[in-house]
């Protein structure tokens, strides 16, 4: 948070970071027509609830309802993608400066150790 407040880092805007995945294979239990549409629309790589809602053409509220029902039937599970951050130009310059300072102090420490022996 401090790095972000000082303008050294920013969060990559991915929007959604919870993705829903379905089990492999066909469900062995009966599904309602809408549950089946929702289940069949979920790709192998997963999908966010918002995107799923758009593709199935139902409201977000109903999307979460059907995802919950499918999760209760152990047909769907949710995975969170880690949030990613990136250094700003100022952050990159600061990182280079800190790395140079680290190298300088390490070499100075080595010289001091060599002189003391």
PDB file of N, CA and C in Angstrom:
ATOM      1  N   UNK A   1       0.833  -1.185   0.000  1.00  0.00           N
ATOM      2  CA  UNK A   1       0.000   0.000   0.000  1.00  0.00           C
ATOM      3  C   UNK A   1       0.879   1.249   0.000  1.00  0.00           C
ATOM      4  N   UNK A   2       1.984   1.200   0.785  1.00  0.00           N
ATOM      5  CA  UNK A   2       2.865   2.364   0.832  1.00  0.00           C
ATOM      6  C   UNK A   2       3.506   2.624  -0.529  1.00  0.00           C
ATOM      7  N   UNK A   3       3.895   1.547  -1.208  1.00  0.00           N
ATOM      8  CA  UNK A   3       4.503   1.717  -2.533  1.00  0.00           C
ATOM      9  C   UNK A   3       3.508   2.316  -3.519  1.00  0.00           C
ATOM     10  N   UNK A   4       2.264   1.879  -3.413  1.00  0.00           N
ATOM     11  CA  UNK A   4       1.230   2.421  -4.301  1.00  0.00           C
ATOM     12  C   UNK A   4       0.976   3.898  -3.994  1.00  0.00           C
ATOM     13  N   UNK A   5       0.908   4.240  -2.700  1.00  0.00           N
ATOM     14  CA  UNK A   5       0.644   5.633  -2.306  1.00  0.00           C
ATOM     15  C   UNK A   5       1.764   6.578  -2.742  1.00  0.00           C
ATOM     16  N   UNK A   6       2.989   6.058  -2.827  1.00  0.00           N
ATOM     17  CA  UNK A   6       4.119   6.894  -3.226  1.00  0.00           C
ATOM     18  C   UNK A   6       4.341   6.886  -4.746  1.00  0.00           C
ATOM     19  N   UNK A   7       3.490   6.198  -5.472  1.00  0.00           N
ATOM     20  CA  UNK A   7       3.580   6.199  -6.929  1.00  0.00           C
ATOM     21  C   UNK A   7       4.663   5.293  -7.485  1.00  0.00           C
ATOM     22  N   UNK A   8       5.099   4.292  -6.705  1.00  0.00           N
ATOM     23  CA  UNK A   8       6.148   3.389  -7.155  1.00  0.00           C
ATOM     24  C   UNK A   8       5.590   2.105  -7.763  1.00  0.00           C
ATOM     25  N   UNK A   9       4.322   1.836  -7.509  1.00  0.00           N
ATOM     26  CA  UNK A   9       3.735   0.559  -7.898  1.00  0.00           C
ATOM     27  C   UNK A   9       2.282   0.774  -8.261  1.00  0.00           C
ATOM     28  N   UNK A  10       1.770  -0.007  -9.201  1.00  0.00           N
ATOM     29  CA  UNK A  10       0.347   0.053  -9.480  1.00  0.00           C
ATOM     30  C   UNK A  10      -0.169  -1.359  -9.714  1.00  0.00           C
ATOM     31  N   UNK A  11      -1.435  -1.534  -9.400  1.00  0.00           N
ATOM     32  CA  UNK A  11      -2.073  -2.828  -9.571  1.00  0.00           C
ATOM     33  C   UNK A  11      -2.545  -2.947 -11.011  1.00  0.00           C
ATOM     34  N   UNK A  12      -2.199  -4.053 -11.626  1.00  0.00           N
ATOM     35  CA  UNK A  12      -2.680  -4.283 -12.989  1.00  0.00           C
ATOM     36  C   UNK A  12      -4.173  -4.498 -12.933  1.00  0.00           C
ATOM     37  N   UNK A  13      -4.878  -3.759 -13.715  1.00  0.00           N
ATOM     38  CA  UNK A  13      -6.329  -3.852 -13.700  1.00  0.00           C
ATOM     39  C   UNK A  13      -6.775  -5.056 -14.513  1.00  0.00           C
ATOM     40  N   UNK A  14      -7.128  -6.102 -13.805  1.00  0.00           N
ATOM     41  CA  UNK A  14      -7.646  -7.282 -14.464  1.00  0.00           C
ATOM     42  C   UNK A  14      -9.153  -7.339 -14.320  1.00  0.00           C
ATOM     43  N   UNK A  15      -9.679  -6.489 -13.472  1.00  0.00           N
ATOM     44  CA  UNK A  15     -11.112  -6.538 -13.223  1.00  0.00           C
ATOM     45  C   UNK A  15     -11.444  -7.754 -12.383  1.00  0.00           C
ATOM     46  N   UNK A  16     -11.819  -8.802 -13.024  1.00  0.00           N
ATOM     47  CA  UNK A  16     -12.223 -10.010 -12.321  1.00  0.00           C
ATOM     48  C   UNK A  16     -10.994 -10.827 -11.930  1.00  0.00           C
ATOM     49  N   UNK A  17     -11.028 -11.368 -10.740  1.00  0.00           N
ATOM     50  CA  UNK A  17      -9.947 -12.255 -10.369  1.00  0.00           C
ATOM     51  C   UNK A  17     -10.442 -13.568  -9.787  1.00  0.00           C
ATOM     52  N   UNK A  18     -11.761 -13.777  -9.730  1.00  0.00           N
ATOM     53  CA  UNK A  18     -12.325 -15.071  -9.357  1.00  0.00           C
ATOM     54  C   UNK A  18     -12.886 -15.692 -10.618  1.00  0.00           C
ATOM     55  N   UNK A  19     -12.396 -16.872 -10.938  1.00  0.00           N
ATOM     56  CA  UNK A  19     -12.834 -17.553 -12.139  1.00  0.00           C
ATOM     57  C   UNK A  19     -13.476 -18.881 -11.777  1.00  0.00           C
ATOM     58  N   UNK A  20     -14.544 -19.191 -12.465  1.00  0.00           N
ATOM     59  CA  UNK A  20     -15.286 -20.419 -12.209  1.00  0.00           C
ATOM     60  C   UNK A  20     -14.897 -21.463 -13.252  1.00  0.00           C
ATOM     61  N   UNK A  21     -14.666 -22.668 -12.763  1.00  0.00           N
ATOM     62  CA  UNK A  21     -14.274 -23.788 -13.606  1.00  0.00           C
ATOM     63  C   UNK A  21     -15.268 -24.917 -13.394  1.00  0.00           C
ATOM     64  N   UNK A  22     -15.410 -25.760 -14.406  1.00  0.00           N
ATOM     65  CA  UNK A  22     -16.315 -26.899 -14.256  1.00  0.00           C
ATOM     66  C   UNK A  22     -15.494 -28.183 -14.185  1.00  0.00           C
ATOM     67  N   UNK A  23     -16.139 -29.225 -13.653  1.00  0.00           N
ATOM     68  CA  UNK A  23     -15.472 -30.513 -13.582  1.00  0.00           C
ATOM     69  C   UNK A  23     -15.311 -31.066 -14.993  1.00  0.00           C
ATOM     70  N   UNK A  24     -14.418 -32.001 -15.133  1.00  0.00           N
ATOM     71  CA  UNK A  24     -14.242 -32.635 -16.440  1.00  0.00           C
ATOM     72  C   UNK A  24     -15.344 -33.678 -16.635  1.00  0.00           C
ATOM     73  N   UNK A  25     -15.771 -33.829 -17.839  1.00  0.00           N
ATOM     74  CA  UNK A  25     -16.802 -34.816 -18.140  1.00  0.00           C
ATOM     75  C   UNK A  25     -18.200 -34.241 -18.059  1.00  0.00           C
ATOM     76  N   UNK A  26     -19.150 -35.097 -18.296  1.00  0.00           N
ATOM     77  CA  UNK A  26     -20.565 -34.704 -18.277  1.00  0.00           C
ATOM     78  C   UNK A  26     -21.131 -34.905 -16.875  1.00  0.00           C
ATOM     79  N   UNK A  27     -22.046 -34.032 -16.459  1.00  0.00           N
ATOM     80  CA  UNK A  27     -22.684 -34.239 -15.156  1.00  0.00           C
ATOM     81  C   UNK A  27     -23.563 -35.488 -15.186  1.00  0.00           C
ATOM     82  N   UNK A  28     -23.535 -36.233 -14.096  1.00  0.00           N
ATOM     83  CA  UNK A  28     -24.319 -37.470 -14.014  1.00  0.00           C
ATOM     84  C   UNK A  28     -25.672 -37.260 -13.350  1.00  0.00           C
ATOM     85  N   UNK A  29     -25.946 -36.034 -12.960  1.00  0.00           N
ATOM     86  CA  UNK A  29     -27.230 -35.730 -12.334  1.00  0.00           C
ATOM     87  C   UNK A  29     -28.017 -34.798 -13.244  1.00  0.00           C
ATOM     88  N   UNK A  30     -29.310 -34.804 -13.025  1.00  0.00           N
ATOM     89  CA  UNK A  30     -30.179 -33.964 -13.861  1.00  0.00           C
ATOM     90  C   UNK A  30     -29.979 -32.491 -13.521  1.00  0.00           C
ATOM     91  N   UNK A  31     -29.944 -31.666 -14.556  1.00  0.00           N
ATOM     92  CA  UNK A  31     -29.803 -30.222 -14.387  1.00  0.00           C
ATOM     93  C   UNK A  31     -31.009 -29.529 -15.010  1.00  0.00           C
ATOM     94  N   UNK A  32     -31.371 -28.400 -14.422  1.00  0.00           N
ATOM     95  CA  UNK A  32     -32.432 -27.595 -15.027  1.00  0.00           C
ATOM     96  C   UNK A  32     -31.907 -27.036 -16.349  1.00  0.00           C
ATOM     97  N   UNK A  33     -32.781 -26.583 -17.225  1.00  0.00           N
ATOM     98  CA  UNK A  33     -32.302 -26.032 -18.508  1.00  0.00           C
ATOM     99  C   UNK A  33     -31.306 -24.886 -18.338  1.00  0.00           C
ATOM    100  N   UNK A  34     -31.562 -24.000 -17.376  1.00  0.00           N
ATOM    101  CA  UNK A  34     -30.644 -22.874 -17.181  1.00  0.00           C
ATOM    102  C   UNK A  34     -29.340 -23.352 -16.555  1.00  0.00           C
ATOM    103  N   UNK A  35     -29.389 -24.279 -15.609  1.00  0.00           N
ATOM    104  CA  UNK A  35     -28.160 -24.832 -15.034  1.00  0.00           C
ATOM    105  C   UNK A  35     -27.313 -25.468 -16.141  1.00  0.00           C
ATOM    106  N   UNK A  36     -27.970 -26.186 -17.034  1.00  0.00           N
ATOM    107  CA  UNK A  36     -27.255 -26.831 -18.136  1.00  0.00           C
ATOM    108  C   UNK A  36     -26.609 -25.790 -19.040  1.00  0.00           C
ATOM    109  N   UNK A  37     -27.341 -24.698 -19.361  1.00  0.00           N
ATOM    110  CA  UNK A  37     -26.774 -23.624 -20.189  1.00  0.00           C
ATOM    111  C   UNK A  37     -25.555 -22.999 -19.524  1.00  0.00           C
ATOM    112  N   UNK A  38     -25.674 -22.731 -18.216  1.00  0.00           N
ATOM    113  CA  UNK A  38     -24.562 -22.127 -17.476  1.00  0.00           C
ATOM    114  C   UNK A  38     -23.375 -23.087 -17.472  1.00  0.00           C
ATOM    115  N   UNK A  39     -23.631 -24.356 -17.152  1.00  0.00           N
ATOM    116  CA  UNK A  39     -22.553 -25.353 -17.087  1.00  0.00           C
ATOM    117  C   UNK A  39     -21.865 -25.502 -18.443  1.00  0.00           C
ATOM    118  N   UNK A  40     -22.640 -25.601 -19.491  1.00  0.00           N
ATOM    119  CA  UNK A  40     -22.072 -25.806 -20.838  1.00  0.00           C
ATOM    120  C   UNK A  40     -21.324 -24.578 -21.352  1.00  0.00           C
ATOM    121  N   UNK A  41     -21.630 -23.402 -20.843  1.00  0.00           N
ATOM    122  CA  UNK A  41     -20.980 -22.168 -21.293  1.00  0.00           C
ATOM    123  C   UNK A  41     -19.605 -21.979 -20.651  1.00  0.00           C
ATOM    124  N   UNK A  42     -19.360 -22.602 -19.519  1.00  0.00           N
ATOM    125  CA  UNK A  42     -18.077 -22.425 -18.821  1.00  0.00           C
ATOM    126  C   UNK A  42     -16.971 -23.121 -19.615  1.00  0.00           C
ATOM    127  N   UNK A  43     -15.967 -22.367 -20.101  1.00  0.00           N
ATOM    128  CA  UNK A  43     -14.872 -22.985 -20.860  1.00  0.00           C
ATOM    129  C   UNK A  43     -13.894 -23.703 -19.929  1.00  0.00           C
ATOM    130  N   UNK A  44     -13.015 -24.506 -20.495  1.00  0.00           N
ATOM    131  CA  UNK A  44     -12.046 -25.261 -19.698  1.00  0.00           C
ATOM    132  C   UNK A  44     -11.102 -24.354 -18.918  1.00  0.00           C
ATOM    133  N   UNK A  45     -10.770 -23.187 -19.485  1.00  0.00           N
ATOM    134  CA  UNK A  45      -9.842 -22.285 -18.801  1.00  0.00           C
ATOM    135  C   UNK A  45     -10.512 -21.438 -17.729  1.00  0.00           C
ATOM    136  N   UNK A  46     -11.827 -21.567 -17.576  1.00  0.00           N
ATOM    137  CA  UNK A  46     -12.548 -20.823 -16.552  1.00  0.00           C
ATOM    138  C   UNK A  46     -13.097 -19.517 -17.098  1.00  0.00           C
ATOM    139  N   UNK A  47     -13.990 -18.923 -16.318  1.00  0.00           N
ATOM    140  CA  UNK A  47     -14.644 -17.691 -16.751  1.00  0.00           C
ATOM    141  C   UNK A  47     -15.089 -16.915 -15.517  1.00  0.00           C
ATOM    142  N   UNK A  48     -15.094 -15.604 -15.621  1.00  0.00           N
ATOM    143  CA  UNK A  48     -15.578 -14.783 -14.517  1.00  0.00           C
ATOM    144  C   UNK A  48     -17.107 -14.793 -14.526  1.00  0.00           C
ATOM    145  N   UNK A  49     -17.696 -14.515 -13.388  1.00  0.00           N
ATOM    146  CA  UNK A  49     -19.156 -14.499 -13.283  1.00  0.00           C
ATOM    147  C   UNK A  49     -19.751 -13.431 -14.203  1.00  0.00           C
ATOM    148  N   UNK A  50     -19.088 -12.297 -14.310  1.00  0.00           N
ATOM    149  CA  UNK A  50     -19.587 -11.209 -15.162  1.00  0.00           C
ATOM    150  C   UNK A  50     -19.618 -11.630 -16.633  1.00  0.00           C
ATOM    151  N   UNK A  51     -18.531 -12.251 -17.091  1.00  0.00           N
ATOM    152  CA  UNK A  51     -18.477 -12.700 -18.479  1.00  0.00           C
ATOM    153  C   UNK A  51     -19.481 -13.819 -18.726  1.00  0.00           C
ATOM    154  N   UNK A  52     -19.616 -14.718 -17.759  1.00  0.00           N
ATOM    155  CA  UNK A  52     -20.589 -15.807 -17.878  1.00  0.00           C
ATOM    156  C   UNK A  52     -22.002 -15.251 -17.974  1.00  0.00           C
ATOM    157  N   UNK A  53     -22.283 -14.247 -17.176  1.00  0.00           N
ATOM    158  CA  UNK A  53     -23.592 -13.601 -17.193  1.00  0.00           C
ATOM    159  C   UNK A  53     -23.896 -13.028 -18.579  1.00  0.00           C
ATOM    160  N   UNK A  54     -22.890 -12.406 -19.191  1.00  0.00           N
ATOM    161  CA  UNK A  54     -23.085 -11.828 -20.532  1.00  0.00           C
ATOM    162  C   UNK A  54     -23.308 -12.917 -21.575  1.00  0.00           C
ATOM    163  N   UNK A  55     -22.536 -13.986 -21.481  1.00  0.00           N
ATOM    164  CA  UNK A  55     -22.633 -15.028 -22.494  1.00  0.00           C
ATOM    165  C   UNK A  55     -23.925 -15.842 -22.399  1.00  0.00           C
ATOM    166  N   UNK A  56     -24.389 -16.071 -21.170  1.00  0.00           N
ATOM    167  CA  UNK A  56     -25.625 -16.835 -20.989  1.00  0.00           C
ATOM    168  C   UNK A  56     -26.849 -15.921 -21.110  1.00  0.00           C
ATOM    169  N   UNK A  57     -26.609 -14.613 -21.018  1.00  0.00           N
ATOM    170  CA  UNK A  57     -27.656 -13.588 -21.103  1.00  0.00           C
ATOM    171  C   UNK A  57     -28.664 -13.695 -19.953  1.00  0.00           C
ATOM    172  N   UNK A  58     -28.103 -13.761 -18.731  1.00  0.00           N
ATOM    173  CA  UNK A  58     -28.933 -13.691 -17.528  1.00  0.00           C
ATOM    174  C   UNK A  58     -28.300 -12.671 -16.590  1.00  0.00           C
ATOM    175  N   UNK A  59     -29.054 -12.218 -15.596  1.00  0.00           N
ATOM    176  CA  UNK A  59     -28.545 -11.195 -14.680  1.00  0.00           C
ATOM    177  C   UNK A  59     -27.441 -11.770 -13.797  1.00  0.00           C
ATOM    178  N   UNK A  60     -26.659 -10.882 -13.215  1.00  0.00           N
ATOM    179  CA  UNK A  60     -25.598 -11.303 -12.304  1.00  0.00           C
ATOM    180  C   UNK A  60     -26.185 -12.070 -11.115  1.00  0.00           C
ATOM    181  N   UNK A  61     -27.303 -11.591 -10.613  1.00  0.00           N
ATOM    182  CA  UNK A  61     -27.935 -12.246  -9.465  1.00  0.00           C
ATOM    183  C   UNK A  61     -28.285 -13.697  -9.797  1.00  0.00           C
ATOM    184  N   UNK A  62     -28.889 -13.910 -10.962  1.00  0.00           N
ATOM    185  CA  UNK A  62     -29.249 -15.272 -11.368  1.00  0.00           C
ATOM    186  C   UNK A  62     -27.999 -16.094 -11.683  1.00  0.00           C
ATOM    187  N   UNK A  63     -26.966 -15.450 -12.227  1.00  0.00           N
ATOM    188  CA  UNK A  63     -25.715 -16.155 -12.515  1.00  0.00           C
ATOM    189  C   UNK A  63     -25.130 -16.721 -11.229  1.00  0.00           C
ATOM    190  N   UNK A  64     -25.041 -15.893 -10.194  1.00  0.00           N
ATOM    191  CA  UNK A  64     -24.512 -16.370  -8.911  1.00  0.00           C
ATOM    192  C   UNK A  64     -25.410 -17.457  -8.314  1.00  0.00           C
ATOM    193  N   UNK A  65     -26.708 -17.328  -8.492  1.00  0.00           N
ATOM    194  CA  UNK A  65     -27.647 -18.340  -7.995  1.00  0.00           C
ATOM    195  C   UNK A  65     -27.348 -19.694  -8.642  1.00  0.00           C
ATOM    196  N   UNK A  66     -27.208 -19.716  -9.976  1.00  0.00           N
ATOM    197  CA  UNK A  66     -26.963 -20.974 -10.671  1.00  0.00           C
ATOM    198  C   UNK A  66     -25.553 -21.497 -10.412  1.00  0.00           C
ATOM    199  N   UNK A  67     -24.577 -20.609 -10.262  1.00  0.00           N
ATOM    200  CA  UNK A  67     -23.235 -21.060  -9.907  1.00  0.00           C
ATOM    201  C   UNK A  67     -23.232 -21.713  -8.528  1.00  0.00           C
ATOM    202  N   UNK A  68     -23.977 -21.128  -7.589  1.00  0.00           N
ATOM    203  CA  UNK A  68     -24.075 -21.709  -6.251  1.00  0.00           C
ATOM    204  C   UNK A  68     -24.717 -23.088  -6.310  1.00  0.00           C
ATOM    205  N   UNK A  69     -25.790 -23.223  -7.101  1.00  0.00           N
ATOM    206  CA  UNK A  69     -26.454 -24.513  -7.229  1.00  0.00           C
ATOM    207  C   UNK A  69     -25.514 -25.555  -7.846  1.00  0.00           C
ATOM    208  N   UNK A  70     -24.773 -25.154  -8.862  1.00  0.00           N
ATOM    209  CA  UNK A  70     -23.824 -26.070  -9.491  1.00  0.00           C
ATOM    210  C   UNK A  70     -22.670 -26.415  -8.545  1.00  0.00           C
ATOM    211  N   UNK A  71     -22.257 -25.442  -7.728  1.00  0.00           N
ATOM    212  CA  UNK A  71     -21.201 -25.706  -6.746  1.00  0.00           C
ATOM    213  C   UNK A  71     -21.697 -26.684  -5.681  1.00  0.00           C
ATOM    214  N   UNK A  72     -22.954 -26.516  -5.253  1.00  0.00           N
ATOM    215  CA  UNK A  72     -23.525 -27.441  -4.272  1.00  0.00           C
ATOM    216  C   UNK A  72     -23.614 -28.860  -4.823  1.00  0.00           C
ATOM    217  N   UNK A  73     -23.775 -28.978  -6.129  1.00  0.00           N
ATOM    218  CA  UNK A  73     -23.832 -30.295  -6.784  1.00  0.00           C
ATOM    219  C   UNK A  73     -22.437 -30.801  -7.147  1.00  0.00           C
ATOM    220  N   UNK A  74     -21.420 -30.030  -6.737  1.00  0.00           N
ATOM    221  CA  UNK A  74     -20.015 -30.362  -6.978  1.00  0.00           C
ATOM    222  C   UNK A  74     -19.670 -30.470  -8.467  1.00  0.00           C
ATOM    223  N   UNK A  75     -20.261 -29.592  -9.264  1.00  0.00           N
ATOM    224  CA  UNK A  75     -19.994 -29.554 -10.699  1.00  0.00           C
ATOM    225  C   UNK A  75     -19.135 -28.358 -11.099  1.00  0.00           C
ATOM    226  N   UNK A  76     -19.080 -27.348 -10.225  1.00  0.00           N
ATOM    227  CA  UNK A  76     -18.353 -26.107 -10.504  1.00  0.00           C
ATOM    228  C   UNK A  76     -17.555 -25.730  -9.269  1.00  0.00           C
ATOM    229  N   UNK A  77     -16.370 -25.148  -9.481  1.00  0.00           N
ATOM    230  CA  UNK A  77     -15.573 -24.637  -8.366  1.00  0.00           C
ATOM    231  C   UNK A  77     -14.949 -23.307  -8.766  1.00  0.00           C
ATOM    232  N   UNK A  78     -14.620 -22.510  -7.773  1.00  0.00           N
ATOM    233  CA  UNK A  78     -14.062 -21.172  -8.015  1.00  0.00           C
ATOM    234  C   UNK A  78     -12.586 -21.163  -7.660  1.00  0.00           C
ATOM    235  N   UNK A  79     -11.798 -20.503  -8.476  1.00  0.00           N
ATOM    236  CA  UNK A  79     -10.374 -20.295  -8.206  1.00  0.00           C
ATOM    237  C   UNK A  79     -10.088 -18.808  -8.299  1.00  0.00           C
ATOM    238  N   UNK A  80      -9.296 -18.332  -7.346  1.00  0.00           N
ATOM    239  CA  UNK A  80      -8.892 -16.925  -7.378  1.00  0.00           C
ATOM    240  C   UNK A  80      -7.549 -16.817  -8.077  1.00  0.00           C
ATOM    241  N   UNK A  81      -7.472 -15.907  -9.017  1.00  0.00           N
ATOM    242  CA  UNK A  81      -6.194 -15.623  -9.663  1.00  0.00           C
ATOM    243  C   UNK A  81      -5.490 -14.580  -8.805  1.00  0.00           C
ATOM    244  N   UNK A  82      -4.195 -14.746  -8.618  1.00  0.00           N
ATOM    245  CA  UNK A  82      -3.493 -13.749  -7.810  1.00  0.00           C
ATOM    246  C   UNK A  82      -3.497 -12.390  -8.510  1.00  0.00           C
ATOM    247  N   UNK A  83      -3.611 -11.366  -7.706  1.00  0.00           N
ATOM    248  CA  UNK A  83      -3.533 -10.017  -8.257  1.00  0.00           C
ATOM    249  C   UNK A  83      -2.086  -9.732  -8.615  1.00  0.00           C
ATOM    250  N   UNK A  84      -1.880  -9.014  -9.688  1.00  0.00           N
ATOM    251  CA  UNK A  84      -0.518  -8.712 -10.111  1.00  0.00           C
ATOM    252  C   UNK A  84      -0.270  -7.214 -10.033  1.00  0.00           C
ATOM    253  N   UNK A  85       0.981  -6.892  -9.763  1.00  0.00           N
ATOM    254  CA  UNK A  85       1.382  -5.498  -9.617  1.00  0.00           C
ATOM    255  C   UNK A  85       2.566  -5.239 -10.535  1.00  0.00           C
ATOM    256  N   UNK A  86       2.729  -3.985 -10.906  1.00  0.00           N
ATOM    257  CA  UNK A  86       3.831  -3.608 -11.775  1.00  0.00           C
ATOM    258  C   UNK A  86       4.437  -2.313 -11.263  1.00  0.00           C
ATOM    259  N   UNK A  87       5.757  -2.194 -11.410  1.00  0.00           N
ATOM    260  CA  UNK A  87       6.438  -0.969 -11.007  1.00  0.00           C
ATOM    261  C   UNK A  87       6.157   0.141 -12.011  1.00  0.00           C
ATOM    262  N   UNK A  88       6.009   1.344 -11.497  1.00  0.00           N
ATOM    263  CA  UNK A  88       5.919   2.512 -12.373  1.00  0.00           C
ATOM    264  C   UNK A  88       7.337   2.880 -12.801  1.00  0.00           C
ATOM    265  N   UNK A  89       7.480   3.872 -13.654  1.00  0.00           N
ATOM    266  CA  UNK A  89       8.822   4.315 -14.070  1.00  0.00           C
ATOM    267  C   UNK A  89       9.630   4.765 -12.853  1.00  0.00           C
ATOM    268  N   UNK A  90       8.997   5.526 -11.958  1.00  0.00           N
ATOM    269  CA  UNK A  90       9.675   5.964 -10.732  1.00  0.00           C
ATOM    270  C   UNK A  90      10.056   4.756  -9.885  1.00  0.00           C
ATOM    271  N   UNK A  91       9.182   3.766  -9.829  1.00  0.00           N
ATOM    272  CA  UNK A  91       9.470   2.548  -9.074  1.00  0.00           C
ATOM    273  C   UNK A  91      10.646   1.785  -9.657  1.00  0.00           C
ATOM    274  N   UNK A  92      10.727   1.727 -10.995  1.00  0.00           N
ATOM    275  CA  UNK A  92      11.852   1.045 -11.651  1.00  0.00           C
ATOM    276  C   UNK A  92      13.160   1.776 -11.373  1.00  0.00           C
ATOM    277  N   UNK A  93      13.127   3.101 -11.450  1.00  0.00           N
ATOM    278  CA  UNK A  93      14.324   3.881 -11.157  1.00  0.00           C
ATOM    279  C   UNK A  93      14.767   3.682  -9.713  1.00  0.00           C
ATOM    280  N   UNK A  94      13.821   3.648  -8.804  1.00  0.00           N
ATOM    281  CA  UNK A  94      14.129   3.429  -7.390  1.00  0.00           C
ATOM    282  C   UNK A  94      14.715   2.041  -7.176  1.00  0.00           C
ATOM    283  N   UNK A  95      14.168   1.035  -7.866  1.00  0.00           N
ATOM    284  CA  UNK A  95      14.677  -0.331  -7.733  1.00  0.00           C
ATOM    285  C   UNK A  95      16.121  -0.423  -8.235  1.00  0.00           C
ATOM    286  N   UNK A  96      16.425   0.242  -9.349  1.00  0.00           N
ATOM    287  CA  UNK A  96      17.792   0.239  -9.875  1.00  0.00           C
ATOM    288  C   UNK A  96      18.727   0.913  -8.877  1.00  0.00           C
ATOM    289  N   UNK A  97      18.306   2.048  -8.328  1.00  0.00           N
ATOM    290  CA  UNK A  97      19.113   2.764  -7.346  1.00  0.00           C
ATOM    291  C   UNK A  97      19.359   1.905  -6.111  1.00  0.00           C
ATOM    292  N   UNK A  98      18.334   1.242  -5.608  1.00  0.00           N
ATOM    293  CA  UNK A  98      18.494   0.378  -4.439  1.00  0.00           C
ATOM    294  C   UNK A  98      19.416  -0.795  -4.732  1.00  0.00           C
ATOM    295  N   UNK A  99      19.328  -1.340  -5.933  1.00  0.00           N
ATOM    296  CA  UNK A  99      20.204  -2.455  -6.313  1.00  0.00           C
ATOM    297  C   UNK A  99      21.660  -1.996  -6.367  1.00  0.00           C
ATOM    298  N   UNK A 100      21.898  -0.810  -6.909  1.00  0.00           N
ATOM    299  CA  UNK A 100      23.266  -0.263  -6.954  1.00  0.00           C
ATOM    300  C   UNK A 100      23.797  -0.023  -5.545  1.00  0.00           C
ATOM    301  N   UNK A 101      22.932   0.488  -4.656  1.00  0.00           N
ATOM    302  CA  UNK A 101      23.336   0.711  -3.257  1.00  0.00           C
ATOM    303  C   UNK A 101      23.666  -0.622  -2.586  1.00  0.00           C
ATOM    304  N   UNK A 102      22.906  -1.670  -2.888  1.00  0.00           N
ATOM    305  CA  UNK A 102      23.154  -2.984  -2.312  1.00  0.00           C
ATOM    306  C   UNK A 102      24.508  -3.520  -2.775  1.00  0.00           C
ATOM    307  N   UNK A 103      24.794  -3.368  -4.065  1.00  0.00           N
ATOM    308  CA  UNK A 103      26.080  -3.822  -4.600  1.00  0.00           C
ATOM    309  C   UNK A 103      27.239  -3.070  -3.944  1.00  0.00           C
ATOM    310  N   UNK A 104      27.074  -1.756  -3.787  1.00  0.00           N
ATOM    311  CA  UNK A 104      28.121  -0.933  -3.182  1.00  0.00           C
ATOM    312  C   UNK A 104      28.377  -1.342  -1.740  1.00  0.00           C
ATOM    313  N   UNK A 105      27.327  -1.530  -0.968  1.00  0.00           N
ATOM    314  CA  UNK A 105      27.509  -1.927   0.435  1.00  0.00           C
ATOM    315  C   UNK A 105      28.083  -3.330   0.546  1.00  0.00           C
ATOM    316  N   UNK A 106      27.707  -4.233  -0.365  1.00  0.00           N
ATOM    317  CA  UNK A 106      28.250  -5.596  -0.342  1.00  0.00           C
ATOM    318  C   UNK A 106      29.736  -5.576  -0.651  1.00  0.00           C
ATOM    319  N   UNK A 107      30.149  -4.791  -1.658  1.00  0.00           N
ATOM    320  CA  UNK A 107      31.570  -4.731  -2.002  1.00  0.00           C
ATOM    321  C   UNK A 107      32.362  -4.053  -0.889  1.00  0.00           C
ATOM    322  N   UNK A 108      31.800  -3.032  -0.249  1.00  0.00           N
ATOM    323  CA  UNK A 108      32.457  -2.357   0.866  1.00  0.00           C
ATOM    324  C   UNK A 108      32.621  -3.313   2.036  1.00  0.00           C
ATOM    325  N   UNK A 109      31.597  -4.096   2.309  1.00  0.00           N
ATOM    326  CA  UNK A 109      31.663  -5.068   3.397  1.00  0.00           C
ATOM    327  C   UNK A 109      32.730  -6.119   3.109  1.00  0.00           C
ATOM    328  N   UNK A 110      32.852  -6.552   1.849  1.00  0.00           N
ATOM    329  CA  UNK A 110      33.874  -7.532   1.484  1.00  0.00           C
ATOM    330  C   UNK A 110      35.273  -6.947   1.684  1.00  0.00           C
ATOM    331  N   UNK A 111      35.473  -5.669   1.315  1.00  0.00           N
ATOM    332  CA  UNK A 111      36.780  -5.025   1.509  1.00  0.00           C
ATOM    333  C   UNK A 111      37.132  -4.940   2.990  1.00  0.00           C
ATOM    334  N   UNK A 112      36.172  -4.602   3.809  1.00  0.00           N
ATOM    335  CA  UNK A 112      36.405  -4.501   5.260  1.00  0.00           C
ATOM    336  C   UNK A 112      36.760  -5.869   5.823  1.00  0.00           C
ATOM    337  N   UNK A 113      36.062  -6.907   5.393  1.00  0.00           N
ATOM    338  CA  UNK A 113      36.347  -8.268   5.872  1.00  0.00           C
ATOM    339  C   UNK A 113      37.733  -8.720   5.412  1.00  0.00           C
ATOM    340  N   UNK A 114      38.128  -8.388   4.200  1.00  0.00           N
ATOM    341  CA  UNK A 114      39.429  -8.799   3.693  1.00  0.00           C
ATOM    342  C   UNK A 114      40.558  -8.080   4.447  1.00  0.00           C
ATOM    343  N   UNK A 115      40.361  -6.827   4.780  1.00  0.00           N
ATOM    344  CA  UNK A 115      41.381  -6.068   5.515  1.00  0.00           C
ATOM    345  C   UNK A 115      41.541  -6.563   6.942  1.00  0.00           C
ATOM    346  N   UNK A 116      40.437  -7.043   7.539  1.00  0.00           N
ATOM    347  CA  UNK A 116      40.507  -7.473   8.940  1.00  0.00           C
ATOM    348  C   UNK A 116      41.195  -8.844   9.078  1.00  0.00           C
ATOM    349  N   UNK A 117      41.338  -9.592   8.010  1.00  0.00           N
ATOM    350  CA  UNK A 117      41.992 -10.910   8.075  1.00  0.00           C
ATOM    351  C   UNK A 117      43.390 -10.791   7.725  1.00  0.00           C
TER     352      UNK A 117
END
